[in-house]
């Protein structure tokens, strides 16, 4: 039941369909650097109606080679050297791909609920 007359709108608790989407964050690359690793937090906004956000892979480009991808609950901060806090979700050798992004499928999906 909608409460349109009083100005109160009822937002659904969750979406009624599955939405598949990819987000590309294409950074400027001057090819003057190498990475031994990067760490970043991912948060699922709680301002939109959805049950969960699933991450099943990432894509990168570069010289590549042996690549591992790790995950840890909540945040990486203050956990950088606590191996027991991390789970490896990808461990493969990848051929170089300097121009095109190379998709790296995770061994297990990362699932975030709203606000996580």
Protein backbone atom coordinates (compact mmCIF):
# COMPACT_ATOMS: atom_id res chain seq x y z
CA UNK A 1 0.00 0.00 0.00
CA UNK A 2 1.39 3.32 -1.07
CA UNK A 3 1.12 6.40 1.08
CA UNK A 4 1.36 8.88 -1.83
CA UNK A 5 -1.14 11.37 -0.44
CA UNK A 6 0.88 12.13 2.68
CA UNK A 7 4.15 12.64 0.80
CA UNK A 8 5.70 9.47 2.23
CA UNK A 9 7.09 7.16 -0.44
CA UNK A 10 7.70 3.53 0.35
CA UNK A 11 10.97 2.29 -1.12
CA UNK A 12 11.33 -1.42 -1.87
CA UNK A 13 13.51 -3.39 0.52
CA UNK A 14 15.42 -4.95 -2.40
CA UNK A 15 15.50 -4.92 -6.19
CA UNK A 16 13.14 -7.31 -7.94
CA UNK A 17 15.74 -8.36 -10.53
CA UNK A 18 19.42 -9.24 -10.72
CA UNK A 19 21.52 -6.50 -12.26
CA UNK A 20 24.81 -7.45 -13.89
CA UNK A 21 27.21 -4.59 -14.35
CA UNK A 22 30.89 -3.86 -14.72
CA UNK A 23 32.59 -0.77 -13.47
CA UNK A 24 35.72 0.35 -15.26
CA UNK A 25 38.03 2.73 -13.49
CA UNK A 26 40.48 3.64 -16.22
CA UNK A 27 43.39 5.48 -14.65
CA UNK A 28 45.92 7.53 -16.55
CA UNK A 29 49.01 5.43 -17.09
CA UNK A 30 52.37 6.93 -17.90
CA UNK A 31 54.01 3.47 -17.78
CA UNK A 32 56.67 4.84 -15.45
CA UNK A 33 55.98 2.62 -12.48
CA UNK A 34 55.58 -0.94 -11.26
CA UNK A 35 53.44 -2.34 -8.49
CA UNK A 36 54.27 -4.93 -5.91
CA UNK A 37 50.67 -4.68 -4.74
CA UNK A 38 47.73 -2.40 -4.08
CA UNK A 39 45.20 -2.41 -1.24
CA UNK A 40 41.83 -0.70 -1.15
CA UNK A 41 38.52 -0.97 0.67
CA UNK A 42 35.23 -1.65 -1.14
CA UNK A 43 31.96 -0.60 0.50
CA UNK A 44 28.41 -1.30 -0.64
CA UNK A 45 26.27 1.82 -0.24
CA UNK A 46 23.17 1.40 1.86
CA UNK A 47 21.22 4.23 0.19
CA UNK A 48 19.80 2.05 -2.63
CA UNK A 49 17.54 -0.99 -2.39
CA UNK A 50 19.54 -4.18 -2.94
CA UNK A 51 20.20 -7.42 -1.08
CA UNK A 52 23.88 -7.75 -1.83
CA UNK A 53 26.72 -6.79 -4.16
CA UNK A 54 28.82 -9.61 -5.62
CA UNK A 55 32.38 -9.20 -6.84
CA UNK A 56 33.50 -12.13 -8.97
CA UNK A 57 36.65 -10.72 -10.53
CA UNK A 58 38.79 -7.74 -11.34
CA UNK A 59 40.61 -6.66 -14.47
CA UNK A 60 44.05 -5.08 -14.75
CA UNK A 61 46.62 -4.48 -17.45
CA UNK A 62 50.39 -4.40 -17.52
CA UNK A 63 53.33 -6.77 -17.56
CA UNK A 64 51.38 -9.01 -15.13
CA UNK A 65 52.94 -12.45 -14.45
CA UNK A 66 52.18 -14.20 -11.15
CA UNK A 67 49.12 -12.48 -9.64
CA UNK A 68 47.47 -13.13 -6.29
CA UNK A 69 44.31 -11.39 -5.07
CA UNK A 70 43.45 -11.39 -1.37
CA UNK A 71 40.43 -10.30 0.66
CA UNK A 72 39.84 -9.47 4.31
CA UNK A 73 36.63 -8.47 6.12
CA UNK A 74 35.79 -4.80 6.69
CA UNK A 75 39.12 -3.06 5.97
CA UNK A 76 42.73 -3.78 5.13
CA UNK A 77 43.94 -1.08 7.55
CA UNK A 78 46.14 -2.38 10.37
CA UNK A 79 46.06 -5.88 8.82
CA UNK A 80 48.73 -5.53 6.13
CA UNK A 81 51.09 -8.01 7.80
CA UNK A 82 48.57 -10.26 9.60
CA UNK A 83 48.45 -13.22 7.19
CA UNK A 84 45.77 -15.03 9.24
CA UNK A 85 43.35 -12.15 8.50
CA UNK A 86 43.54 -12.65 4.71
CA UNK A 87 42.07 -15.17 2.25
CA UNK A 88 43.60 -15.72 -1.20
CA UNK A 89 40.85 -15.67 -3.86
CA UNK A 90 43.06 -15.72 -6.99
CA UNK A 91 46.51 -17.20 -7.65
CA UNK A 92 47.50 -17.53 -11.31
CA UNK A 93 50.17 -16.52 -13.78
CA UNK A 94 48.93 -14.11 -16.46
CA UNK A 95 50.50 -13.12 -19.77
CA UNK A 96 51.33 -9.46 -20.30
CA UNK A 97 48.46 -7.28 -21.53
CA UNK A 98 49.70 -3.72 -21.86
CA UNK A 99 46.69 -2.17 -23.62
CA UNK A 100 43.68 -4.34 -22.84
CA UNK A 101 42.36 -5.16 -19.40
CA UNK A 102 42.84 -8.81 -18.41
CA UNK A 103 39.94 -10.29 -16.40
CA UNK A 104 40.93 -12.25 -13.31
CA UNK A 105 38.16 -14.52 -12.07
CA UNK A 106 38.03 -14.95 -8.30
CA UNK A 107 38.00 -18.50 -6.89
CA UNK A 108 35.22 -17.48 -4.51
CA UNK A 109 32.78 -14.60 -4.89
CA UNK A 110 32.98 -11.67 -2.48
CA UNK A 111 29.48 -10.75 -1.29
CA UNK A 112 28.75 -7.45 0.46
CA UNK A 113 25.43 -6.50 2.03
CA UNK A 114 24.30 -2.86 2.15
CA UNK A 115 26.62 -0.86 4.40
CA UNK A 116 29.39 -3.49 4.41
